Amino acid sequence: SFTNPFGNPCQKHYTKGGSDQLADVVAQTGPKVAS
């Protein structure tokens, strides 16, 4: 946030390469919670 407090640097970090890493890990966590 200190690199661009009015932008979205964190979103850019986690979506670098085209896929949303955080959304992916949420989906991957579902079966773990089910277990």
Full PDB file with SEQRES, HELIX, SHEET, SSBOND, CRYST1, ORIGX, SCALE, CONECT and MASTER records, all heavy atoms in Angstrom:
SEQRES   1 A   35  SER PHE THR ASN PRO PHE GLY ASN PRO CYS GLN LYS HIS          
SEQRES   2 A   35  TYR THR LYS GLY GLY SER ASP GLN LEU ALA ASP VAL VAL          
SEQRES   3 A   35  ALA GLN THR GLY PRO LYS VAL ALA SER                          
HELIX    1 AA1 PRO A    9  TYR A   14  1                                   6    
HELIX    2 AA2 GLN A   21  ALA A   34  1                                  14    
CRYST1    1.000    1.000    1.000  90.00  90.00  90.00 P 1           1          
ORIGX1      1.000000  0.000000  0.000000        0.00000                         
ORIGX2      0.000000  1.000000  0.000000        0.00000                         
ORIGX3      0.000000  0.000000  1.000000        0.00000                         
SCALE1      1.000000  0.000000  0.000000        0.00000                         
SCALE2      0.000000  1.000000  0.000000        0.00000                         
SCALE3      0.000000  0.000000  1.000000        0.00000                         
ATOM      1  N   SER A   1       0.818  -1.215   0.000  1.00  0.00           N  
ATOM      2  CA  SER A   1       0.000   0.000   0.000  1.00  0.00           C  
ATOM      3  C   SER A   1       0.848   1.260   0.000  1.00  0.00           C  
ATOM      4  O   SER A   1       0.434   2.306  -0.526  1.00  0.00           O  
ATOM      5  CB  SER A   1      -0.955   0.009   1.197  1.00  0.00           C  
ATOM      6  OG  SER A   1      -0.276   0.297   2.413  1.00  0.00           O  
ATOM      7  N   PHE A   2       2.027   1.191   0.548  1.00  0.00           N  
ATOM      8  CA  PHE A   2       2.895   2.369   0.615  1.00  0.00           C  
ATOM      9  C   PHE A   2       3.512   2.696  -0.748  1.00  0.00           C  
ATOM     10  O   PHE A   2       4.027   3.788  -0.945  1.00  0.00           O  
ATOM     11  CB  PHE A   2       3.990   2.171   1.666  1.00  0.00           C  
ATOM     12  CG  PHE A   2       3.458   2.210   3.069  1.00  0.00           C  
ATOM     13  CD1 PHE A   2       3.124   1.042   3.726  1.00  0.00           C  
ATOM     14  CD2 PHE A   2       3.278   3.425   3.717  1.00  0.00           C  
ATOM     15  CE1 PHE A   2       2.613   1.071   5.023  1.00  0.00           C  
ATOM     16  CE2 PHE A   2       2.765   3.466   5.011  1.00  0.00           C  
ATOM     17  CZ  PHE A   2       2.430   2.289   5.666  1.00  0.00           C  
ATOM     18  N   THR A   3       3.444   1.750  -1.675  1.00  0.00           N  
ATOM     19  CA  THR A   3       3.966   2.014  -3.015  1.00  0.00           C  
ATOM     20  C   THR A   3       2.952   2.761  -3.873  1.00  0.00           C  
ATOM     21  O   THR A   3       3.325   3.443  -4.827  1.00  0.00           O  
ATOM     22  CB  THR A   3       4.347   0.704  -3.735  1.00  0.00           C  
ATOM     23  OG1 THR A   3       3.165  -0.060  -4.017  1.00  0.00           O  
ATOM     24  CG2 THR A   3       5.294  -0.130  -2.885  1.00  0.00           C  
ATOM     25  N   ASN A   4       1.662   2.632  -3.531  1.00  0.00           N  
ATOM     26  CA  ASN A   4       0.607   3.296  -4.313  1.00  0.00           C  
ATOM     27  C   ASN A   4      -0.677   3.301  -3.491  1.00  0.00           C  
ATOM     28  O   ASN A   4      -1.589   2.515  -3.746  1.00  0.00           O  
ATOM     29  CB  ASN A   4       0.393   2.569  -5.644  1.00  0.00           C  
ATOM     30  CG  ASN A   4      -0.558   3.306  -6.554  1.00  0.00           C  
ATOM     31  OD1 ASN A   4      -1.033   4.403  -6.252  1.00  0.00           O  
ATOM     32  ND2 ASN A   4      -0.866   2.705  -7.696  1.00  0.00           N  
ATOM     33  N   PRO A   5      -0.771   4.191  -2.498  1.00  0.00           N  
ATOM     34  CA  PRO A   5      -1.903   4.145  -1.567  1.00  0.00           C  
ATOM     35  C   PRO A   5      -3.263   4.383  -2.196  1.00  0.00           C  
ATOM     36  O   PRO A   5      -4.286   4.009  -1.614  1.00  0.00           O  
ATOM     37  CB  PRO A   5      -1.564   5.239  -0.547  1.00  0.00           C  
ATOM     38  CG  PRO A   5      -0.574   6.117  -1.218  1.00  0.00           C  
ATOM     39  CD  PRO A   5       0.198   5.237  -2.138  1.00  0.00           C  
ATOM     40  N   PHE A   6      -3.317   4.986  -3.378  1.00  0.00           N  
ATOM     41  CA  PHE A   6      -4.599   5.245  -4.017  1.00  0.00           C  
ATOM     42  C   PHE A   6      -4.877   4.291  -5.176  1.00  0.00           C  
ATOM     43  O   PHE A   6      -5.914   4.387  -5.832  1.00  0.00           O  
ATOM     44  CB  PHE A   6      -4.659   6.700  -4.503  1.00  0.00           C  
ATOM     45  CG  PHE A   6      -4.591   7.691  -3.376  1.00  0.00           C  
ATOM     46  CD1 PHE A   6      -3.394   8.314  -3.045  1.00  0.00           C  
ATOM     47  CD2 PHE A   6      -5.708   7.971  -2.611  1.00  0.00           C  
ATOM     48  CE1 PHE A   6      -3.319   9.204  -1.986  1.00  0.00           C  
ATOM     49  CE2 PHE A   6      -5.655   8.865  -1.550  1.00  0.00           C  
ATOM     50  CZ  PHE A   6      -4.459   9.482  -1.232  1.00  0.00           C  
ATOM     51  N   GLY A   7      -3.961   3.367  -5.412  1.00  0.00           N  
ATOM     52  CA  GLY A   7      -4.136   2.388  -6.472  1.00  0.00           C  
ATOM     53  C   GLY A   7      -4.527   1.033  -5.937  1.00  0.00           C  
ATOM     54  O   GLY A   7      -5.110   0.920  -4.852  1.00  0.00           O  
ATOM     55  N   ASN A   8      -4.176  -0.011  -6.689  1.00  0.00           N  
ATOM     56  CA  ASN A   8      -4.494  -1.379  -6.278  1.00  0.00           C  
ATOM     57  C   ASN A   8      -3.267  -2.284  -6.419  1.00  0.00           C  
ATOM     58  O   ASN A   8      -3.309  -3.309  -7.117  1.00  0.00           O  
ATOM     59  CB  ASN A   8      -5.656  -1.934  -7.092  1.00  0.00           C  
ATOM     60  CG  ASN A   8      -5.380  -1.978  -8.582  1.00  0.00           C  
ATOM     61  OD1 ASN A   8      -4.560  -1.207  -9.094  1.00  0.00           O  
ATOM     62  ND2 ASN A   8      -6.047  -2.888  -9.286  1.00  0.00           N  
ATOM     63  N   PRO A   9      -2.181  -1.954  -5.744  1.00  0.00           N  
ATOM     64  CA  PRO A   9      -0.955  -2.748  -5.896  1.00  0.00           C  
ATOM     65  C   PRO A   9      -1.090  -4.182  -5.411  1.00  0.00           C  
ATOM     66  O   PRO A   9      -0.459  -5.088  -5.957  1.00  0.00           O  
ATOM     67  CB  PRO A   9       0.069  -1.971  -5.064  1.00  0.00           C  
ATOM     68  CG  PRO A   9      -0.746  -1.228  -4.052  1.00  0.00           C  
ATOM     69  CD  PRO A   9      -2.001  -0.847  -4.777  1.00  0.00           C  
ATOM     70  N   CYS A  10      -1.930  -4.402  -4.413  1.00  0.00           N  
ATOM     71  CA  CYS A  10      -2.091  -5.755  -3.882  1.00  0.00           C  
ATOM     72  C   CYS A  10      -2.847  -6.631  -4.879  1.00  0.00           C  
ATOM     73  O   CYS A  10      -2.472  -7.785  -5.119  1.00  0.00           O  
ATOM     74  CB  CYS A  10      -2.826  -5.701  -2.550  1.00  0.00           C  
ATOM     75  SG  CYS A  10      -2.840  -7.268  -1.661  1.00  0.00           S  
ATOM     76  N   GLN A  11      -3.885  -6.097  -5.453  1.00  0.00           N  
ATOM     77  CA  GLN A  11      -4.620  -6.846  -6.477  1.00  0.00           C  
ATOM     78  C   GLN A  11      -3.713  -7.192  -7.647  1.00  0.00           C  
ATOM     79  O   GLN A  11      -3.743  -8.322  -8.152  1.00  0.00           O  
ATOM     80  CB  GLN A  11      -5.824  -6.039  -6.964  1.00  0.00           C  
ATOM     81  CG  GLN A  11      -6.655  -6.779  -7.996  1.00  0.00           C  
ATOM     82  CD  GLN A  11      -7.873  -5.990  -8.430  1.00  0.00           C  
ATOM     83  OE1 GLN A  11      -7.977  -4.788  -8.200  1.00  0.00           O  
ATOM     84  NE2 GLN A  11      -8.828  -6.659  -9.053  1.00  0.00           N  
ATOM     85  N   LYS A  12      -2.895  -6.246  -8.076  1.00  0.00           N  
ATOM     86  CA  LYS A  12      -1.967  -6.516  -9.178  1.00  0.00           C  
ATOM     87  C   LYS A  12      -0.979  -7.607  -8.798  1.00  0.00           C  
ATOM     88  O   LYS A  12      -0.619  -8.452  -9.622  1.00  0.00           O  
ATOM     89  CB  LYS A  12      -1.231  -5.232  -9.559  1.00  0.00           C  
ATOM     90  CG  LYS A  12      -2.117  -4.186 -10.218  1.00  0.00           C  
ATOM     91  CD  LYS A  12      -1.335  -2.912 -10.525  1.00  0.00           C  
ATOM     92  CE  LYS A  12      -2.222  -1.883 -11.218  1.00  0.00           C  
ATOM     93  NZ  LYS A  12      -1.507  -0.607 -11.461  1.00  0.00           N  
ATOM     94  N   HIS A  13      -0.547  -7.604  -7.536  1.00  0.00           N  
ATOM     95  CA  HIS A  13       0.401  -8.616  -7.059  1.00  0.00           C  
ATOM     96  C   HIS A  13      -0.208 -10.016  -7.120  1.00  0.00           C  
ATOM     97  O   HIS A  13       0.434 -10.972  -7.577  1.00  0.00           O  
ATOM     98  CB  HIS A  13       0.808  -8.279  -5.617  1.00  0.00           C  
ATOM     99  CG  HIS A  13       1.609  -9.348  -4.945  1.00  0.00           C  
ATOM    100  ND1 HIS A  13       2.948  -9.559  -5.198  1.00  0.00           N  
ATOM    101  CD2 HIS A  13       1.255 -10.281  -4.003  1.00  0.00           C  
ATOM    102  CE1 HIS A  13       3.396 -10.555  -4.451  1.00  0.00           C  
ATOM    103  NE2 HIS A  13       2.385 -11.013  -3.728  1.00  0.00           N  
ATOM    104  N   TYR A  14      -1.456 -10.143  -6.665  1.00  0.00           N  
ATOM    105  CA  TYR A  14      -2.084 -11.464  -6.579  1.00  0.00           C  
ATOM    106  C   TYR A  14      -2.735 -11.922  -7.875  1.00  0.00           C  
ATOM    107  O   TYR A  14      -3.165 -13.085  -7.975  1.00  0.00           O  
ATOM    108  CB  TYR A  14      -3.104 -11.500  -5.436  1.00  0.00           C  
ATOM    109  CG  TYR A  14      -2.450 -11.608  -4.073  1.00  0.00           C  
ATOM    110  CD1 TYR A  14      -2.508 -10.555  -3.163  1.00  0.00           C  
ATOM    111  CD2 TYR A  14      -1.772 -12.760  -3.700  1.00  0.00           C  
ATOM    112  CE1 TYR A  14      -1.911 -10.651  -1.913  1.00  0.00           C  
ATOM    113  CE2 TYR A  14      -1.173 -12.879  -2.453  1.00  0.00           C  
ATOM    114  CZ  TYR A  14      -1.235 -11.818  -1.567  1.00  0.00           C  
ATOM    115  OH  TYR A  14      -0.641 -11.920  -0.329  1.00  0.00           O  
ATOM    116  N   THR A  15      -2.823 -11.031  -8.867  1.00  0.00           N  
ATOM    117  CA  THR A  15      -3.394 -11.436 -10.156  1.00  0.00           C  
ATOM    118  C   THR A  15      -2.357 -11.386 -11.271  1.00  0.00           C  
ATOM    119  O   THR A  15      -2.708 -11.489 -12.449  1.00  0.00           O  
ATOM    120  CB  THR A  15      -4.599 -10.538 -10.524  1.00  0.00           C  
ATOM    121  OG1 THR A  15      -4.184  -9.171 -10.568  1.00  0.00           O  
ATOM    122  CG2 THR A  15      -5.724 -10.697  -9.515  1.00  0.00           C  
ATOM    123  N   LYS A  16      -1.108 -11.239 -10.876  1.00  0.00           N  
ATOM    124  CA  LYS A  16      -0.030 -11.219 -11.871  1.00  0.00           C  
ATOM    125  C   LYS A  16      -0.010 -12.544 -12.634  1.00  0.00           C  
ATOM    126  O   LYS A  16      -0.072 -13.616 -12.047  1.00  0.00           O  
ATOM    127  CB  LYS A  16       1.313 -11.003 -11.168  1.00  0.00           C  
ATOM    128  CG  LYS A  16       2.491 -10.781 -12.110  1.00  0.00           C  
ATOM    129  CD  LYS A  16       3.792 -10.702 -11.331  1.00  0.00           C  
ATOM    130  CE  LYS A  16       3.754  -9.615 -10.267  1.00  0.00           C  
ATOM    131  NZ  LYS A  16       5.030  -9.530  -9.502  1.00  0.00           N  
ATOM    132  N   GLY A  17       0.053 -12.463 -13.931  1.00  0.00           N  
ATOM    133  CA  GLY A  17       0.067 -13.669 -14.747  1.00  0.00           C  
ATOM    134  C   GLY A  17      -1.287 -14.065 -15.278  1.00  0.00           C  
ATOM    135  O   GLY A  17      -1.411 -15.039 -16.031  1.00  0.00           O  
ATOM    136  N   GLY A  18      -2.337 -13.346 -14.839  1.00  0.00           N  
ATOM    137  CA  GLY A  18      -3.654 -13.585 -15.419  1.00  0.00           C  
ATOM    138  C   GLY A  18      -4.650 -14.324 -14.558  1.00  0.00           C  
ATOM    139  O   GLY A  18      -5.851 -14.250 -14.792  1.00  0.00           O  
ATOM    140  N   SER A  19      -4.176 -15.060 -13.548  1.00  0.00           N  
ATOM    141  CA  SER A  19      -5.109 -15.768 -12.660  1.00  0.00           C  
ATOM    142  C   SER A  19      -5.086 -15.124 -11.287  1.00  0.00           C  
ATOM    143  O   SER A  19      -4.075 -14.557 -10.866  1.00  0.00           O  
ATOM    144  CB  SER A  19      -4.739 -17.245 -12.551  1.00  0.00           C  
ATOM    145  OG  SER A  19      -3.489 -17.400 -11.911  1.00  0.00           O  
ATOM    146  N   ASP A  20      -6.208 -15.205 -10.596  1.00  0.00           N  
ATOM    147  CA  ASP A  20      -6.329 -14.626  -9.258  1.00  0.00           C  
ATOM    148  C   ASP A  20      -5.896 -15.677  -8.239  1.00  0.00           C  
ATOM    149  O   ASP A  20      -6.628 -16.628  -7.963  1.00  0.00           O  
ATOM    150  CB  ASP A  20      -7.771 -14.192  -9.010  1.00  0.00           C  
ATOM    151  CG  ASP A  20      -7.933 -13.374  -7.736  1.00  0.00           C  
ATOM    152  OD1 ASP A  20      -7.178 -13.609  -6.772  1.00  0.00           O  
ATOM    153  OD2 ASP A  20      -8.805 -12.490  -7.710  1.00  0.00           O  
ATOM    154  N   GLN A  21      -4.705 -15.497  -7.683  1.00  0.00           N  
ATOM    155  CA  GLN A  21      -4.158 -16.490  -6.753  1.00  0.00           C  
ATOM    156  C   GLN A  21      -5.041 -16.673  -5.524  1.00  0.00           C  
ATOM    157  O   GLN A  21      -5.191 -17.791  -5.021  1.00  0.00           O  
ATOM    158  CB  GLN A  21      -2.754 -16.071  -6.318  1.00  0.00           C  
ATOM    159  CG  GLN A  21      -1.739 -15.971  -7.446  1.00  0.00           C  
ATOM    160  CD  GLN A  21      -0.427 -15.371  -6.968  1.00  0.00           C  
ATOM    161  OE1 GLN A  21       0.058 -15.710  -5.893  1.00  0.00           O  
ATOM    162  NE2 GLN A  21       0.141 -14.482  -7.769  1.00  0.00           N  
ATOM    163  N   LEU A  22      -5.609 -15.578  -5.018  1.00  0.00           N  
ATOM    164  CA  LEU A  22      -6.418 -15.670  -3.804  1.00  0.00           C  
ATOM    165  C   LEU A  22      -7.748 -16.369  -4.074  1.00  0.00           C  
ATOM    166  O   LEU A  22      -8.199 -17.198  -3.282  1.00  0.00           O  
ATOM    167  CB  LEU A  22      -6.643 -14.285  -3.209  1.00  0.00           C  
ATOM    168  CG  LEU A  22      -5.379 -13.543  -2.766  1.00  0.00           C  
ATOM    169  CD1 LEU A  22      -5.734 -12.252  -2.046  1.00  0.00           C  
ATOM    170  CD2 LEU A  22      -4.501 -14.421  -1.870  1.00  0.00           C  
ATOM    171  N   ALA A  23      -8.371 -16.050  -5.198  1.00  0.00           N  
ATOM    172  CA  ALA A  23      -9.610 -16.741  -5.556  1.00  0.00           C  
ATOM    173  C   ALA A  23      -9.345 -18.232  -5.751  1.00  0.00           C  
ATOM    174  O   ALA A  23     -10.161 -19.075  -5.346  1.00  0.00           O  
ATOM    175  CB  ALA A  23     -10.205 -16.126  -6.824  1.00  0.00           C  
ATOM    176  N   ASP A  24      -8.213 -18.549  -6.338  1.00  0.00           N  
ATOM    177  CA  ASP A  24      -7.855 -19.956  -6.551  1.00  0.00           C  
ATOM    178  C   ASP A  24      -7.683 -20.692  -5.233  1.00  0.00           C  
ATOM    179  O   ASP A  24      -8.160 -21.830  -5.069  1.00  0.00           O  
ATOM    180  CB  ASP A  24      -6.568 -20.055  -7.372  1.00  0.00           C  
ATOM    181  CG  ASP A  24      -6.758 -19.620  -8.818  1.00  0.00           C  
ATOM    182  OD1 ASP A  24      -7.909 -19.507  -9.267  1.00  0.00           O  
ATOM    183  OD2 ASP A  24      -5.731 -19.379  -9.497  1.00  0.00           O  
ATOM    184  N   VAL A  25      -7.006 -20.056  -4.276  1.00  0.00           N  
ATOM    185  CA  VAL A  25      -6.749 -20.741  -3.007  1.00  0.00           C  
ATOM    186  C   VAL A  25      -8.027 -20.869  -2.188  1.00  0.00           C  
ATOM    187  O   VAL A  25      -8.198 -21.832  -1.431  1.00  0.00           O  
ATOM    188  CB  VAL A  25      -5.619 -20.043  -2.211  1.00  0.00           C  
ATOM    189  CG1 VAL A  25      -6.113 -18.775  -1.531  1.00  0.00           C  
ATOM    190  CG2 VAL A  25      -5.023 -20.983  -1.172  1.00  0.00           C  
ATOM    191  N   VAL A  26      -8.963 -19.930  -2.329  1.00  0.00           N  
ATOM    192  CA  VAL A  26     -10.266 -20.081  -1.672  1.00  0.00           C  
ATOM    193  C   VAL A  26     -10.956 -21.340  -2.198  1.00  0.00           C  
ATOM    194  O   VAL A  26     -11.471 -22.155  -1.419  1.00  0.00           O  
ATOM    195  CB  VAL A  26     -11.148 -18.838  -1.902  1.00  0.00           C  
ATOM    196  CG1 VAL A  26     -12.594 -19.125  -1.470  1.00  0.00           C  
ATOM    197  CG2 VAL A  26     -10.612 -17.646  -1.114  1.00  0.00           C  
ATOM    198  N   ALA A  27     -10.961 -21.499  -3.510  1.00  0.00           N  
ATOM    199  CA  ALA A  27     -11.581 -22.686  -4.110  1.00  0.00           C  
ATOM    200  C   ALA A  27     -10.889 -23.970  -3.662  1.00  0.00           C  
ATOM    201  O   ALA A  27     -11.546 -24.985  -3.382  1.00  0.00           O  
ATOM    202  CB  ALA A  27     -11.551 -22.566  -5.632  1.00  0.00           C  
ATOM    203  N   GLN A  28      -9.570 -23.932  -3.555  1.00  0.00           N  
ATOM    204  CA  GLN A  28      -8.809 -25.108  -3.130  1.00  0.00           C  
ATOM    205  C   GLN A  28      -9.039 -25.455  -1.663  1.00  0.00           C  
ATOM    206  O   GLN A  28      -8.844 -26.604  -1.254  1.00  0.00           O  
ATOM    207  CB  GLN A  28      -7.325 -24.865  -3.380  1.00  0.00           C  
ATOM    208  CG  GLN A  28      -6.949 -24.752  -4.856  1.00  0.00           C  
ATOM    209  CD  GLN A  28      -5.593 -24.102  -5.066  1.00  0.00           C  
ATOM    210  OE1 GLN A  28      -4.839 -23.864  -4.128  1.00  0.00           O  
ATOM    211  NE2 GLN A  28      -5.284 -23.789  -6.324  1.00  0.00           N  
ATOM    212  N   THR A  29      -9.450 -24.457  -0.876  1.00  0.00           N  
ATOM    213  CA  THR A  29      -9.666 -24.673   0.556  1.00  0.00           C  
ATOM    214  C   THR A  29     -10.997 -25.362   0.830  1.00  0.00           C  
ATOM    215  O   THR A  29     -11.157 -26.017   1.863  1.00  0.00           O  
ATOM    216  CB  THR A  29      -9.587 -23.324   1.306  1.00  0.00           C  
ATOM    217  OG1 THR A  29      -8.278 -22.762   1.107  1.00  0.00           O  
ATOM    218  CG2 THR A  29      -9.814 -23.487   2.799  1.00  0.00           C  
ATOM    219  N   GLY A  30     -11.947 -25.246  -0.091  1.00  0.00           N  
ATOM    220  CA  GLY A  30     -13.254 -25.857   0.118  1.00  0.00           C  
ATOM    221  C   GLY A  30     -13.188 -27.346   0.459  1.00  0.00           C  
ATOM    222  O   GLY A  30     -13.756 -27.776   1.473  1.00  0.00           O  
ATOM    223  N   PRO A  31     -12.501 -28.170  -0.323  1.00  0.00           N  
ATOM    224  CA  PRO A  31     -12.408 -29.595   0.012  1.00  0.00           C  
ATOM    225  C   PRO A  31     -11.714 -29.863   1.350  1.00  0.00           C  
ATOM    226  O   PRO A  31     -12.030 -30.849   2.027  1.00  0.00           O  
ATOM    227  CB  PRO A  31     -11.591 -30.163  -1.156  1.00  0.00           C  
ATOM    228  CG  PRO A  31     -11.828 -29.208  -2.280  1.00  0.00           C  
ATOM    229  CD  PRO A  31     -11.923 -27.869  -1.641  1.00  0.00           C  
ATOM    230  N   LYS A  32     -10.782 -28.998   1.735  1.00  0.00           N  
ATOM    231  CA  LYS A  32     -10.105 -29.169   3.021  1.00  0.00           C  
ATOM    232  C   LYS A  32     -11.082 -28.958   4.182  1.00  0.00           C  
ATOM    233  O   LYS A  32     -11.074 -29.712   5.158  1.00  0.00           O  
ATOM    234  CB  LYS A  32      -8.931 -28.197   3.140  1.00  0.00           C  
ATOM    235  CG  LYS A  32      -7.857 -28.383   2.076  1.00  0.00           C  
ATOM    236  CD  LYS A  32      -6.775 -27.316   2.204  1.00  0.00           C  
ATOM    237  CE  LYS A  32      -5.735 -27.447   1.113  1.00  0.00           C  
ATOM    238  NZ  LYS A  32      -4.694 -26.394   1.200  1.00  0.00           N  
ATOM    239  N   VAL A  33     -11.911 -27.926   4.056  1.00  0.00           N  
ATOM    240  CA  VAL A  33     -12.919 -27.681   5.092  1.00  0.00           C  
ATOM    241  C   VAL A  33     -13.933 -28.819   5.115  1.00  0.00           C  
ATOM    242  O   VAL A  33     -14.359 -29.267   6.186  1.00  0.00           O  
ATOM    243  CB  VAL A  33     -13.611 -26.325   4.858  1.00  0.00           C  
ATOM    244  CG1 VAL A  33     -14.755 -26.114   5.848  1.00  0.00           C  
ATOM    245  CG2 VAL A  33     -12.603 -25.179   4.970  1.00  0.00           C  
ATOM    246  N   ALA A  34     -14.309 -29.301   3.948  1.00  0.00           N  
ATOM    247  CA  ALA A  34     -15.244 -30.425   3.882  1.00  0.00           C  
ATOM    248  C   ALA A  34     -14.686 -31.655   4.591  1.00  0.00           C  
ATOM    249  O   ALA A  34     -15.416 -32.376   5.285  1.00  0.00           O  
ATOM    250  CB  ALA A  34     -15.557 -30.752   2.417  1.00  0.00           C  
ATOM    251  N   SER A  35     -13.391 -31.882   4.437  1.00  0.00           N  
ATOM    252  CA  SER A  35     -12.751 -33.025   5.104  1.00  0.00           C  
ATOM    253  C   SER A  35     -12.767 -32.864   6.618  1.00  0.00           C  
ATOM    254  O   SER A  35     -12.963 -33.838   7.356  1.00  0.00           O  
ATOM    255  CB  SER A  35     -11.310 -33.177   4.612  1.00  0.00           C  
ATOM    256  OG  SER A  35     -11.279 -33.542   3.247  1.00  0.00           O  
TER     257      SER A  35                                                      
MASTER        0    0    0    2    0    0    0    6  256    1    0    3          
END                                                                             
